[in-house]
Amino acid sequence: MSEVELISARSREEIFARLNDAYEDKKFSRLESIDPVGHIASRGEILGEMKQKMSDNKYMVEESAAEDLEEKINAIAENYGYESLIYPANLNLDMEKIRAGKKICFDQEIEALRREVFHSDFSIIRARCGVSSHGVALVLSSPAQPRMLSLAPKLCIVLLQKENVVASLAEALNLVKKENEILPSNILFIAGPSRTADIELIPVFGVHGSQKVHIVLY
């Protein structure tokens, strides 16, 4: 082996050694996000603030008992005349009670369900928490609940437990960090229906996501 080849081999070994050392930073520690809100409010005040701000963000805010979620979903879908549903594998509802003409579980790669994803009338997803300071729902993307469920259908129905409403974005992010050693590929803060405006400032809904979003608090 020539001297040039020896130097090249040593360089490769040094590079690989550095990469291996850098792969795991033993000094790394995950810090909590700083909370700029910092206010202390009662559970009722936090929930009331979130409902008001979600309404301001053009959410349709609904409330339901946990045992009546299926009937609430039926009422929402029937109000629009929607028949085709796509839903995640971890929804944990009695799908037999959902009155939809077509029900598709998003439990395959999108290549196998592309038509169903883009031609379903509505979807149902679960939010991990709601954020009262901004009126948004935090939704975690995963293989069991793919991100496209909140983007493609005309209507997205978001289910959220009232006990999972927090005061700030920082509190929501700290909750996700605490529960997930490896963070999800997508952490979504959904602020109601997708909207944009043209040069005349005329709002148009549904350009990059659902035209209508209902949040069901239970």
Protein backbone atom coordinates (compact mmCIF):
# COMPACT_ATOMS: atom_id res chain seq x y z
CA MET A 1 0.00 0.00 0.00
CA SER A 2 1.40 3.39 -0.98
CA GLU A 3 1.90 6.26 1.43
CA VAL A 4 -1.03 8.16 -0.17
CA GLU A 5 -3.32 5.16 0.29
CA LEU A 6 -2.24 4.82 3.94
CA ILE A 7 -3.04 8.48 4.61
CA SER A 8 -6.41 8.10 2.86
CA ALA A 9 -7.25 5.00 4.91
CA ARG A 10 -6.28 6.71 8.18
CA SER A 11 -8.38 9.74 7.20
CA ARG A 12 -11.42 7.54 6.58
CA GLU A 13 -10.93 5.81 9.93
CA GLU A 14 -10.65 9.15 11.70
CA ILE A 15 -13.82 10.45 10.01
CA PHE A 16 -15.79 7.29 10.89
CA ALA A 17 -14.49 7.41 14.47
CA ARG A 18 -15.66 11.01 14.82
CA LEU A 19 -19.08 10.16 13.38
CA ASN A 20 -19.45 7.26 15.81
CA ASP A 21 -18.46 9.48 18.73
CA ALA A 22 -20.88 12.19 17.61
CA TYR A 23 -23.79 9.78 17.12
CA GLU A 24 -24.43 9.70 20.86
CA ASP A 25 -23.70 12.85 22.80
CA LYS A 26 -23.21 11.62 26.35
CA LYS A 27 -23.39 15.17 27.66
CA PHE A 28 -26.77 15.83 26.04
CA SER A 29 -29.72 16.45 28.32
CA ARG A 30 -33.18 17.48 27.21
CA LEU A 31 -34.27 20.76 28.79
CA GLU A 32 -37.83 21.89 29.33
CA SER A 33 -39.06 24.60 26.99
CA ILE A 34 -39.21 28.01 28.65
CA ASP A 35 -42.80 29.08 29.26
CA PRO A 36 -43.28 32.75 28.25
CA VAL A 37 -46.94 32.68 29.32
CA GLY A 38 -46.34 31.83 32.92
CA HIS A 39 -49.83 32.69 34.13
CA ILE A 40 -51.65 30.56 36.66
CA ALA A 41 -55.32 30.03 35.96
CA SER A 42 -58.00 27.66 37.14
CA ARG A 43 -59.01 24.66 35.05
CA GLY A 44 -62.28 26.38 34.18
CA GLU A 45 -60.52 29.57 33.06
CA ILE A 46 -58.06 27.64 30.88
CA LEU A 47 -60.85 25.66 29.24
CA GLY A 48 -62.97 28.76 28.70
CA GLU A 49 -60.05 30.65 27.16
CA MET A 50 -59.31 27.77 24.80
CA LYS A 51 -62.90 27.47 23.62
CA GLN A 52 -63.08 31.21 22.93
CA LYS A 53 -59.79 31.32 21.05
CA MET A 54 -60.62 28.18 19.07
CA SER A 55 -63.87 29.82 18.00
CA ASP A 56 -61.87 32.90 17.00
CA ASN A 57 -59.64 30.60 14.93
CA LYS A 58 -62.74 29.34 13.06
CA TYR A 59 -62.95 25.99 14.81
CA MET A 60 -66.47 24.70 15.29
CA VAL A 61 -66.36 23.95 19.02
CA GLU A 62 -68.53 21.04 20.18
CA GLU A 63 -68.95 19.30 23.53
CA SER A 64 -69.99 15.73 24.23
CA ALA A 65 -70.04 13.09 26.91
CA ALA A 66 -67.38 10.43 26.31
CA GLU A 67 -70.03 7.74 25.85
CA ASP A 68 -71.82 9.80 23.19
CA LEU A 69 -68.86 10.58 20.90
CA GLU A 70 -70.09 8.37 18.08
CA GLU A 71 -73.49 10.09 18.01
CA LYS A 72 -71.84 13.53 18.08
CA ILE A 73 -69.67 12.52 15.10
CA ASN A 74 -72.74 11.23 13.26
CA ALA A 75 -74.56 14.53 13.83
CA ILE A 76 -71.62 16.57 12.51
CA ALA A 77 -71.14 14.44 9.38
CA GLU A 78 -74.87 14.26 8.63
CA ASN A 79 -75.15 18.03 8.89
CA TYR A 80 -72.84 18.29 5.87
CA GLY A 81 -74.25 15.25 4.10
CA TYR A 82 -70.85 13.54 4.22
CA GLU A 83 -70.74 9.78 3.72
CA SER A 84 -67.13 8.62 3.29
CA LEU A 85 -64.87 8.47 6.34
CA ILE A 86 -61.16 7.78 6.79
CA TYR A 87 -59.87 7.22 10.31
CA PRO A 88 -56.69 6.16 12.17
CA ALA A 89 -55.96 2.71 13.50
CA ASN A 90 -55.79 3.93 17.12
CA LEU A 91 -59.09 5.82 17.19
CA ASN A 92 -60.63 3.59 19.90
CA LEU A 93 -64.25 4.24 18.99
CA ASP A 94 -67.05 1.80 18.24
CA MET A 95 -66.92 2.11 14.44
CA GLU A 96 -70.13 0.08 14.13
CA LYS A 97 -71.95 3.08 15.62
CA ILE A 98 -70.57 5.51 13.04
CA ARG A 99 -73.16 5.98 10.30
CA ALA A 100 -70.95 6.48 7.25
CA GLY A 101 -71.59 4.84 3.90
CA LYS A 102 -67.88 4.14 3.48
CA LYS A 103 -65.36 3.70 6.30
CA ILE A 104 -61.65 3.29 5.56
CA CYS A 105 -59.01 2.65 8.21
CA PHE A 106 -55.73 4.37 7.36
CA ASP A 107 -53.60 1.35 8.35
CA GLN A 108 -51.47 1.00 5.20
CA GLU A 109 -48.86 3.05 3.39
CA ILE A 110 -50.37 6.00 1.56
CA GLU A 111 -49.42 4.49 -1.82
CA ALA A 112 -51.99 1.75 -1.15
CA LEU A 113 -54.70 4.21 0.00
CA ARG A 114 -53.98 7.33 -2.04
CA ARG A 115 -57.41 7.49 -3.69
CA GLU A 116 -59.23 6.85 -0.40
CA VAL A 117 -57.20 9.50 1.43
CA PHE A 118 -57.85 12.22 -1.15
CA HIS A 119 -61.47 11.32 -1.89
CA SER A 120 -62.85 10.79 1.63
CA ASP A 121 -65.32 13.40 2.84
CA PHE A 122 -64.17 13.53 6.45
CA SER A 123 -61.65 12.22 8.94
CA ILE A 124 -61.56 11.73 12.70
CA ILE A 125 -58.36 12.22 14.70
CA ARG A 126 -57.37 12.54 18.35
CA ALA A 127 -55.46 15.50 19.76
CA ARG A 128 -52.92 14.92 22.51
CA CYS A 129 -53.77 18.25 24.10
CA GLY A 130 -55.28 21.66 23.51
CA VAL A 131 -53.45 24.96 24.12
CA SER A 132 -55.58 27.70 25.63
CA SER A 133 -53.14 30.59 25.05
CA HIS A 134 -53.35 30.13 21.24
CA GLY A 135 -56.57 28.19 20.71
CA VAL A 136 -54.83 25.31 18.95
CA ALA A 137 -54.86 21.52 19.16
CA LEU A 138 -51.61 19.57 19.38
CA VAL A 139 -51.72 16.44 17.23
CA LEU A 140 -48.92 13.89 17.06
CA SER A 141 -48.24 12.27 13.71
CA SER A 142 -47.47 8.54 13.80
CA PRO A 143 -47.93 5.38 11.71
CA ALA A 144 -51.14 4.78 13.69
CA GLN A 145 -52.41 8.33 12.99
CA PRO A 146 -50.79 9.66 9.80
CA ARG A 147 -50.49 13.40 9.20
CA MET A 148 -52.53 13.24 5.98
CA LEU A 149 -55.69 12.62 8.00
CA SER A 150 -55.73 16.30 8.97
CA LEU A 151 -54.79 17.57 5.50
CA ALA A 152 -56.73 15.79 2.77
CA PRO A 153 -60.45 15.40 3.71
CA LYS A 154 -62.84 18.35 3.45
CA LEU A 155 -63.84 17.99 7.11
CA CYS A 156 -61.59 17.02 10.02
CA ILE A 157 -63.17 16.12 13.36
CA VAL A 158 -60.69 16.44 16.24
CA LEU A 159 -61.41 14.67 19.53
CA LEU A 160 -59.93 16.20 22.69
CA GLN A 161 -60.33 15.30 26.35
CA LYS A 162 -61.02 18.36 28.48
CA GLU A 163 -58.49 17.21 31.07
CA ASN A 164 -55.77 17.48 28.40
CA VAL A 165 -56.08 21.24 27.93
CA VAL A 166 -52.92 23.13 28.94
CA ALA A 167 -52.18 26.83 29.30
CA SER A 168 -49.30 27.36 26.85
CA LEU A 169 -47.33 26.03 23.90
CA ALA A 170 -44.33 25.44 26.18
CA GLU A 171 -46.42 23.32 28.55
CA ALA A 172 -47.71 21.28 25.60
CA LEU A 173 -44.19 20.72 24.20
CA ASN A 174 -42.84 19.75 27.62
CA LEU A 175 -45.63 17.18 27.90
CA VAL A 176 -44.65 15.65 24.54
CA LYS A 177 -40.95 15.60 25.52
CA LYS A 178 -41.78 13.88 28.80
CA GLU A 179 -43.86 11.18 27.11
CA ASN A 180 -41.60 10.52 24.09
CA GLU A 181 -37.91 9.64 24.42
CA ILE A 182 -37.75 9.92 20.62
CA LEU A 183 -39.92 12.79 19.41
CA PRO A 184 -42.55 12.11 16.72
CA SER A 185 -41.65 12.99 13.14
CA ASN A 186 -44.41 15.61 13.10
CA ILE A 187 -45.82 17.64 15.99
CA LEU A 188 -48.78 19.56 14.59
CA PHE A 189 -50.45 22.60 16.11
CA ILE A 190 -53.76 22.81 14.28
CA ALA A 191 -55.33 26.27 14.39
CA GLY A 192 -58.66 25.50 12.74
CA PRO A 193 -59.40 25.12 9.04
CA SER A 194 -56.74 25.77 6.42
CA ARG A 195 -56.97 29.27 5.04
CA THR A 196 -55.14 31.76 2.87
CA ALA A 197 -55.92 35.11 1.27
CA ASP A 198 -55.29 36.52 -2.19
CA ILE A 199 -53.94 39.99 -2.94
CA GLU A 200 -57.39 41.47 -2.23
CA LEU A 201 -57.34 39.86 1.25
CA ILE A 202 -60.31 37.62 0.49
CA PRO A 203 -59.92 34.50 2.68
CA VAL A 204 -60.12 31.10 1.00
CA PHE A 205 -60.53 27.97 3.11
CA GLY A 206 -59.17 24.51 2.42
CA VAL A 207 -56.13 25.31 0.29
CA HIS A 208 -53.57 23.37 2.36
CA GLY A 209 -55.85 21.32 4.58
CA SER A 210 -59.44 20.78 5.64
CA GLN A 211 -62.08 23.40 4.79
CA LYS A 212 -63.92 22.71 8.04
CA VAL A 213 -62.59 21.60 11.43
CA HIS A 214 -64.74 20.60 14.39
CA ILE A 215 -63.16 20.15 17.81
CA VAL A 216 -65.16 17.84 20.10
CA LEU A 217 -64.39 18.33 23.81
CA TYR A 218 -65.39 15.48 26.06
